[in-house]
Amino acid sequence: MKISSNAPCPCHSGKKYKQCCQPYHKGILPADALKLMRSRYSAFALGAADYIMATTHPNNPDYTEDKESWRQSILSFSNGTRFLGLKIHDFIDGSEEAFVTFEALFDSGILKEKSRFLKEGGKWLYESGEFKE
């Protein structure tokens, strides 16, 4: 899905896409796990499967060497879902490990998760998530 640089960012930050997640989608590394988490939400909303794959830690259960199958799975989810909002509840920052607790609102319901991020080689990666009630 294409989006105008001047459109509101899909992560619901209140900023324009070009001032929020677009730089990350174009290759700038997020400075912290919270920025990575928001940019991943936007990437799912936009169907940016390559970004999702590039920012997923190899320890994550979704990570696979079968990139085409993984890409199709991401696109299927992205294309079949309306992304309605993102609420950040907590951010625990660290130099090599960080956590973000959030609610993602979809047309099919709400996902509540505490995500774990690890920094490797100067790059934050989504390692795992724990579902919350």
N, C-alpha and C. Protein backbone atom coordinates (compact mmCIF):
# COMPACT_ATOMS: atom_id res chain seq x y z
N MET A 1 0.84 -1.18 0.00
CA MET A 1 0.00 0.00 0.00
C MET A 1 0.88 1.24 0.00
N LYS A 2 0.59 2.16 -0.85
CA LYS A 2 1.33 3.43 -0.91
C LYS A 2 0.63 4.46 -0.04
N ILE A 3 1.42 5.34 0.49
CA ILE A 3 0.88 6.42 1.33
C ILE A 3 1.65 7.69 1.00
N SER A 4 0.96 8.81 1.03
CA SER A 4 1.61 10.09 0.82
C SER A 4 2.51 10.42 2.00
N SER A 5 3.63 11.04 1.71
CA SER A 5 4.55 11.45 2.77
C SER A 5 3.90 12.44 3.73
N ASN A 6 2.90 13.18 3.23
CA ASN A 6 2.22 14.18 4.05
C ASN A 6 0.99 13.63 4.77
N ALA A 7 0.67 12.36 4.55
CA ALA A 7 -0.48 11.75 5.23
C ALA A 7 -0.13 11.50 6.70
N PRO A 8 -1.17 11.39 7.53
CA PRO A 8 -0.89 11.04 8.93
C PRO A 8 -0.19 9.67 9.00
N CYS A 9 0.76 9.55 9.92
CA CYS A 9 1.50 8.30 10.04
C CYS A 9 0.57 7.18 10.49
N PRO A 10 0.68 6.01 9.89
CA PRO A 10 -0.17 4.88 10.29
C PRO A 10 0.02 4.45 11.75
N CYS A 11 1.10 4.86 12.41
CA CYS A 11 1.32 4.46 13.80
C CYS A 11 0.49 5.32 14.77
N HIS A 12 -0.25 6.28 14.22
CA HIS A 12 -1.15 7.13 15.02
C HIS A 12 -0.41 8.01 16.02
N SER A 13 0.79 8.46 15.62
CA SER A 13 1.57 9.35 16.48
C SER A 13 1.04 10.78 16.45
N GLY A 14 0.25 11.10 15.43
CA GLY A 14 -0.21 12.47 15.24
C GLY A 14 0.70 13.27 14.33
N LYS A 15 1.81 12.66 13.91
CA LYS A 15 2.74 13.31 12.99
C LYS A 15 2.49 12.86 11.56
N LYS A 16 3.03 13.61 10.62
CA LYS A 16 3.00 13.19 9.23
C LYS A 16 3.93 11.99 9.06
N TYR A 17 3.59 11.13 8.11
CA TYR A 17 4.39 9.93 7.85
C TYR A 17 5.85 10.29 7.61
N LYS A 18 6.12 11.36 6.84
CA LYS A 18 7.50 11.73 6.52
C LYS A 18 8.28 12.19 7.74
N GLN A 19 7.59 12.61 8.80
CA GLN A 19 8.24 13.08 10.02
C GLN A 19 8.25 12.00 11.11
N CYS A 20 7.75 10.82 10.77
CA CYS A 20 7.62 9.79 11.80
C CYS A 20 8.28 8.49 11.33
N CYS A 21 7.53 7.59 10.73
CA CYS A 21 8.03 6.26 10.40
C CYS A 21 8.69 6.13 9.03
N GLN A 22 8.40 7.01 8.11
CA GLN A 22 8.96 6.89 6.76
C GLN A 22 10.49 6.83 6.73
N PRO A 23 11.19 7.67 7.50
CA PRO A 23 12.67 7.57 7.47
C PRO A 23 13.18 6.18 7.84
N TYR A 24 12.52 5.52 8.77
CA TYR A 24 12.92 4.17 9.17
C TYR A 24 12.64 3.18 8.05
N HIS A 25 11.49 3.34 7.42
CA HIS A 25 11.14 2.45 6.31
C HIS A 25 12.10 2.63 5.13
N LYS A 26 12.75 3.80 5.07
CA LYS A 26 13.70 4.07 3.99
C LYS A 26 15.14 3.74 4.37
N GLY A 27 15.36 3.23 5.60
CA GLY A 27 16.71 2.76 5.95
C GLY A 27 17.38 3.39 7.14
N ILE A 28 16.83 4.47 7.70
CA ILE A 28 17.40 5.05 8.91
C ILE A 28 17.10 4.09 10.07
N LEU A 29 18.07 3.84 10.93
CA LEU A 29 17.86 2.94 12.06
C LEU A 29 17.15 3.68 13.20
N PRO A 30 16.06 3.11 13.72
CA PRO A 30 15.40 3.73 14.87
C PRO A 30 16.36 3.81 16.06
N ALA A 31 16.33 4.93 16.76
CA ALA A 31 17.25 5.17 17.87
C ALA A 31 16.90 4.34 19.10
N ASP A 32 15.65 3.92 19.20
CA ASP A 32 15.25 3.11 20.35
C ASP A 32 14.16 2.12 19.95
N ALA A 33 13.86 1.21 20.88
CA ALA A 33 12.90 0.15 20.60
C ALA A 33 11.48 0.68 20.41
N LEU A 34 11.14 1.78 21.07
CA LEU A 34 9.81 2.35 20.90
C LEU A 34 9.61 2.84 19.47
N LYS A 35 10.61 3.51 18.93
CA LYS A 35 10.52 3.96 17.53
C LYS A 35 10.45 2.76 16.58
N LEU A 36 11.20 1.71 16.89
CA LEU A 36 11.13 0.50 16.07
C LEU A 36 9.73 -0.10 16.14
N MET A 37 9.18 -0.19 17.34
CA MET A 37 7.86 -0.79 17.50
C MET A 37 6.81 -0.02 16.70
N ARG A 38 6.84 1.30 16.80
CA ARG A 38 5.87 2.13 16.06
C ARG A 38 6.07 1.95 14.55
N SER A 39 7.33 1.90 14.12
CA SER A 39 7.60 1.77 12.68
C SER A 39 7.20 0.39 12.16
N ARG A 40 7.26 -0.62 13.01
CA ARG A 40 6.81 -1.97 12.62
C ARG A 40 5.28 -1.99 12.48
N TYR A 41 4.58 -1.33 13.40
CA TYR A 41 3.12 -1.23 13.27
C TYR A 41 2.76 -0.58 11.93
N SER A 42 3.43 0.53 11.63
CA SER A 42 3.19 1.22 10.35
C SER A 42 3.53 0.33 9.17
N ALA A 43 4.62 -0.42 9.29
CA ALA A 43 5.03 -1.30 8.20
C ALA A 43 3.98 -2.39 7.95
N PHE A 44 3.42 -2.95 9.02
CA PHE A 44 2.34 -3.92 8.85
C PHE A 44 1.15 -3.25 8.17
N ALA A 45 0.79 -2.04 8.61
CA ALA A 45 -0.35 -1.32 8.03
C ALA A 45 -0.14 -1.03 6.55
N LEU A 46 1.10 -0.81 6.16
CA LEU A 46 1.43 -0.46 4.77
C LEU A 46 1.83 -1.66 3.92
N GLY A 47 1.91 -2.83 4.52
CA GLY A 47 2.33 -4.01 3.77
C GLY A 47 3.81 -4.00 3.42
N ALA A 48 4.62 -3.38 4.27
CA ALA A 48 6.08 -3.31 4.04
C ALA A 48 6.74 -4.56 4.64
N ALA A 49 6.50 -5.69 3.99
CA ALA A 49 6.96 -6.98 4.50
C ALA A 49 8.48 -7.04 4.65
N ASP A 50 9.22 -6.47 3.73
CA ASP A 50 10.68 -6.53 3.82
C ASP A 50 11.19 -5.83 5.08
N TYR A 51 10.53 -4.74 5.47
CA TYR A 51 10.92 -4.04 6.69
C TYR A 51 10.63 -4.90 7.92
N ILE A 52 9.49 -5.55 7.93
CA ILE A 52 9.14 -6.43 9.05
C ILE A 52 10.18 -7.55 9.16
N MET A 53 10.52 -8.15 8.06
CA MET A 53 11.49 -9.24 8.08
C MET A 53 12.86 -8.74 8.52
N ALA A 54 13.26 -7.58 8.06
CA ALA A 54 14.59 -7.04 8.38
C ALA A 54 14.71 -6.61 9.84
N THR A 55 13.58 -6.39 10.51
CA THR A 55 13.62 -5.92 11.90
C THR A 55 13.15 -7.00 12.88
N THR A 56 13.13 -8.25 12.43
CA THR A 56 12.76 -9.37 13.28
C THR A 56 14.01 -10.15 13.68
N HIS A 57 14.15 -10.39 14.96
CA HIS A 57 15.30 -11.12 15.48
C HIS A 57 15.23 -12.59 15.05
N PRO A 58 16.36 -13.22 14.73
CA PRO A 58 16.35 -14.64 14.33
C PRO A 58 15.77 -15.59 15.38
N ASN A 59 15.74 -15.19 16.65
CA ASN A 59 15.14 -16.02 17.70
C ASN A 59 13.62 -16.01 17.67
N ASN A 60 13.04 -15.06 16.94
CA ASN A 60 11.58 -14.95 16.90
C ASN A 60 10.97 -16.15 16.19
N PRO A 61 9.88 -16.71 16.73
CA PRO A 61 9.25 -17.90 16.11
C PRO A 61 8.79 -17.69 14.67
N ASP A 62 8.50 -16.44 14.29
CA ASP A 62 8.06 -16.17 12.91
C ASP A 62 9.22 -16.12 11.93
N TYR A 63 10.43 -15.95 12.44
CA TYR A 63 11.60 -15.83 11.58
C TYR A 63 11.82 -17.15 10.83
N THR A 64 12.04 -17.05 9.53
CA THR A 64 12.31 -18.24 8.73
C THR A 64 13.25 -17.87 7.58
N GLU A 65 13.99 -18.85 7.14
CA GLU A 65 14.86 -18.65 5.97
C GLU A 65 14.05 -18.65 4.67
N ASP A 66 12.83 -19.16 4.73
CA ASP A 66 11.94 -19.16 3.57
C ASP A 66 11.30 -17.78 3.44
N LYS A 67 12.08 -16.86 2.90
CA LYS A 67 11.67 -15.45 2.85
C LYS A 67 10.40 -15.23 2.05
N GLU A 68 10.21 -15.94 0.96
CA GLU A 68 9.02 -15.70 0.14
C GLU A 68 7.75 -16.13 0.87
N SER A 69 7.80 -17.26 1.54
CA SER A 69 6.65 -17.71 2.31
C SER A 69 6.35 -16.74 3.45
N TRP A 70 7.40 -16.29 4.12
CA TRP A 70 7.25 -15.33 5.21
C TRP A 70 6.66 -14.03 4.69
N ARG A 71 7.18 -13.54 3.57
CA ARG A 71 6.69 -12.31 2.96
C ARG A 71 5.19 -12.43 2.64
N GLN A 72 4.80 -13.56 2.05
CA GLN A 72 3.40 -13.76 1.69
C GLN A 72 2.51 -13.81 2.93
N SER A 73 3.00 -14.39 4.00
CA SER A 73 2.25 -14.44 5.26
C SER A 73 2.02 -13.04 5.81
N ILE A 74 3.05 -12.22 5.80
CA ILE A 74 2.94 -10.83 6.27
C ILE A 74 1.96 -10.06 5.39
N LEU A 75 2.10 -10.20 4.09
CA LEU A 75 1.22 -9.48 3.16
C LEU A 75 -0.23 -9.91 3.31
N SER A 76 -0.45 -11.18 3.53
CA SER A 76 -1.80 -11.69 3.73
C SER A 76 -2.43 -11.04 4.97
N PHE A 77 -1.66 -10.99 6.05
CA PHE A 77 -2.14 -10.33 7.27
C PHE A 77 -2.39 -8.85 7.02
N SER A 78 -1.43 -8.17 6.41
CA SER A 78 -1.53 -6.73 6.18
C SER A 78 -2.71 -6.38 5.28
N ASN A 79 -2.86 -7.14 4.20
CA ASN A 79 -3.93 -6.85 3.25
C ASN A 79 -5.31 -7.21 3.77
N GLY A 80 -5.38 -8.14 4.72
CA GLY A 80 -6.66 -8.57 5.24
C GLY A 80 -7.06 -7.91 6.55
N THR A 81 -6.31 -6.89 6.96
CA THR A 81 -6.53 -6.26 8.25
C THR A 81 -6.62 -4.75 8.10
N ARG A 82 -7.55 -4.15 8.82
CA ARG A 82 -7.59 -2.69 8.92
C ARG A 82 -6.94 -2.31 10.24
N PHE A 83 -5.97 -1.44 10.19
CA PHE A 83 -5.19 -1.00 11.34
C PHE A 83 -5.80 0.30 11.86
N LEU A 84 -6.44 0.22 13.02
CA LEU A 84 -7.26 1.33 13.51
C LEU A 84 -6.63 2.19 14.58
N GLY A 85 -5.57 1.72 15.20
CA GLY A 85 -4.95 2.55 16.23
C GLY A 85 -3.86 1.82 16.98
N LEU A 86 -3.05 2.60 17.65
CA LEU A 86 -1.96 2.06 18.45
C LEU A 86 -1.86 2.89 19.73
N LYS A 87 -1.88 2.21 20.86
CA LYS A 87 -1.74 2.87 22.16
C LYS A 87 -0.53 2.27 22.87
N ILE A 88 0.40 3.12 23.25
CA ILE A 88 1.57 2.68 23.99
C ILE A 88 1.27 2.82 25.48
N HIS A 89 1.44 1.73 26.23
CA HIS A 89 1.16 1.75 27.67
C HIS A 89 2.43 1.87 28.50
N ASP A 90 3.54 1.30 28.02
CA ASP A 90 4.77 1.33 28.81
C ASP A 90 5.97 1.14 27.89
N PHE A 91 7.06 1.80 28.23
CA PHE A 91 8.31 1.66 27.49
C PHE A 91 9.44 1.57 28.51
N ILE A 92 10.10 0.43 28.54
CA ILE A 92 11.25 0.23 29.42
C ILE A 92 12.48 0.19 28.52
N ASP A 93 13.24 1.27 28.54
CA ASP A 93 14.39 1.41 27.65
C ASP A 93 15.63 0.79 28.30
N GLY A 94 16.50 0.32 27.47
CA GLY A 94 17.77 -0.23 27.92
C GLY A 94 18.79 -0.09 26.81
N SER A 95 20.04 -0.36 27.11
CA SER A 95 21.07 -0.20 26.09
C SER A 95 21.11 -1.38 25.12
N GLU A 96 20.75 -2.58 25.57
CA GLU A 96 20.79 -3.78 24.72
C GLU A 96 19.46 -4.54 24.69
N GLU A 97 18.58 -4.25 25.65
CA GLU A 97 17.28 -4.92 25.75
C GLU A 97 16.25 -3.88 26.17
N ALA A 98 15.08 -3.92 25.55
CA ALA A 98 14.02 -2.97 25.87
C ALA A 98 12.67 -3.66 25.72
N PHE A 99 11.66 -3.06 26.36
CA PHE A 99 10.31 -3.62 26.32
C PHE A 99 9.30 -2.52 26.01
N VAL A 100 8.31 -2.86 25.20
CA VAL A 100 7.21 -1.94 24.89
C VAL A 100 5.91 -2.70 25.11
N THR A 101 5.06 -2.15 25.95
CA THR A 101 3.73 -2.72 26.15
C THR A 101 2.74 -1.83 25.41
N PHE A 102 1.90 -2.45 24.59
CA PHE A 102 1.02 -1.67 23.72
C PHE A 102 -0.29 -2.40 23.46
N GLU A 103 -1.23 -1.66 22.89
CA GLU A 103 -2.46 -2.21 22.33
C GLU A 103 -2.51 -1.80 20.87
N ALA A 104 -2.70 -2.77 20.00
CA ALA A 104 -2.90 -2.50 18.57
C ALA A 104 -4.38 -2.78 18.28
N LEU A 105 -5.05 -1.80 17.71
CA LEU A 105 -6.46 -1.93 17.40
C LEU A 105 -6.62 -2.29 15.93
N PHE A 106 -7.35 -3.37 15.70
CA PHE A 106 -7.62 -3.85 14.34
C PHE A 106 -9.13 -3.97 14.16
N ASP A 107 -9.55 -4.11 12.92
CA ASP A 107 -10.97 -4.32 12.67
C ASP A 107 -11.44 -5.65 13.28
N SER A 108 -10.53 -6.57 13.51
CA SER A 108 -10.87 -7.88 14.06
C SER A 108 -10.74 -7.95 15.58
N GLY A 109 -10.27 -6.88 16.21
CA GLY A 109 -10.12 -6.89 17.65
C GLY A 109 -8.91 -6.12 18.12
N ILE A 110 -8.50 -6.38 19.35
CA ILE A 110 -7.38 -5.68 19.97
C ILE A 110 -6.30 -6.69 20.36
N LEU A 111 -5.07 -6.36 20.02
CA LEU A 111 -3.91 -7.15 20.43
C LEU A 111 -3.20 -6.37 21.53
N LYS A 112 -3.06 -6.99 22.70
CA LYS A 112 -2.31 -6.40 23.80
C LYS A 112 -1.06 -7.23 23.98
N GLU A 113 0.09 -6.56 23.94
CA GLU A 113 1.34 -7.31 23.98
C GLU A 113 2.42 -6.53 24.72
N LYS A 114 3.29 -7.28 25.38
CA LYS A 114 4.54 -6.73 25.90
C LYS A 114 5.62 -7.31 25.00
N SER A 115 6.22 -6.45 24.19
CA SER A 115 7.23 -6.86 23.22
C SER A 115 8.63 -6.71 23.79
N ARG A 116 9.48 -7.67 23.45
CA ARG A 116 10.89 -7.62 23.85
C ARG A 116 11.73 -7.32 22.61
N PHE A 117 12.63 -6.36 22.75
CA PHE A 117 13.52 -5.97 21.67
C PHE A 117 14.95 -6.13 22.13
N LEU A 118 15.79 -6.59 21.22
CA LEU A 118 17.21 -6.73 21.50
C LEU A 118 17.99 -5.90 20.49
N LYS A 119 19.07 -5.31 20.95
CA LYS A 119 19.93 -4.51 20.08
C LYS A 119 21.15 -5.35 19.71
N GLU A 120 21.33 -5.56 18.43
CA GLU A 120 22.47 -6.33 17.93
C GLU A 120 23.14 -5.56 16.80
N GLY A 121 24.44 -5.40 16.92
CA GLY A 121 25.18 -4.68 15.89
C GLY A 121 24.68 -3.27 15.68
N GLY A 122 24.20 -2.62 16.76
CA GLY A 122 23.70 -1.25 16.66
C GLY A 122 22.29 -1.13 16.13
N LYS A 123 21.61 -2.26 15.94
CA LYS A 123 20.27 -2.26 15.35
C LYS A 123 19.26 -2.94 16.28
N TRP A 124 18.16 -2.26 16.55
CA TRP A 124 17.10 -2.85 17.35
C TRP A 124 16.32 -3.85 16.53
N LEU A 125 15.98 -4.99 17.14
CA LEU A 125 15.20 -6.05 16.49
C LEU A 125 14.09 -6.52 17.43
N TYR A 126 12.95 -6.86 16.84
CA TYR A 126 11.83 -7.42 17.60
C TYR A 126 12.15 -8.89 17.88
N GLU A 127 12.28 -9.25 19.16
CA GLU A 127 12.67 -10.61 19.51
C GLU A 127 11.46 -11.49 19.85
N SER A 128 10.55 -10.99 20.68
CA SER A 128 9.40 -11.79 21.07
C SER A 128 8.32 -10.92 21.67
N GLY A 129 7.15 -11.51 21.85
CA GLY A 129 6.05 -10.81 22.47
C GLY A 129 5.28 -11.71 23.40
N GLU A 130 4.79 -11.12 24.47
CA GLU A 130 3.97 -11.84 25.44
C GLU A 130 2.58 -11.19 25.43
N PHE A 131 1.56 -12.00 25.10
CA PHE A 131 0.20 -11.47 25.05
C PHE A 131 -0.27 -11.10 26.44
N LYS A 132 -1.01 -10.01 26.52
CA LYS A 132 -1.54 -9.51 27.79
C LYS A 132 -3.07 -9.50 27.71
N GLU A 133 -3.68 -9.61 28.88
CA GLU A 133 -5.15 -9.55 28.97
C GLU A 133 -5.60 -8.12 29.02
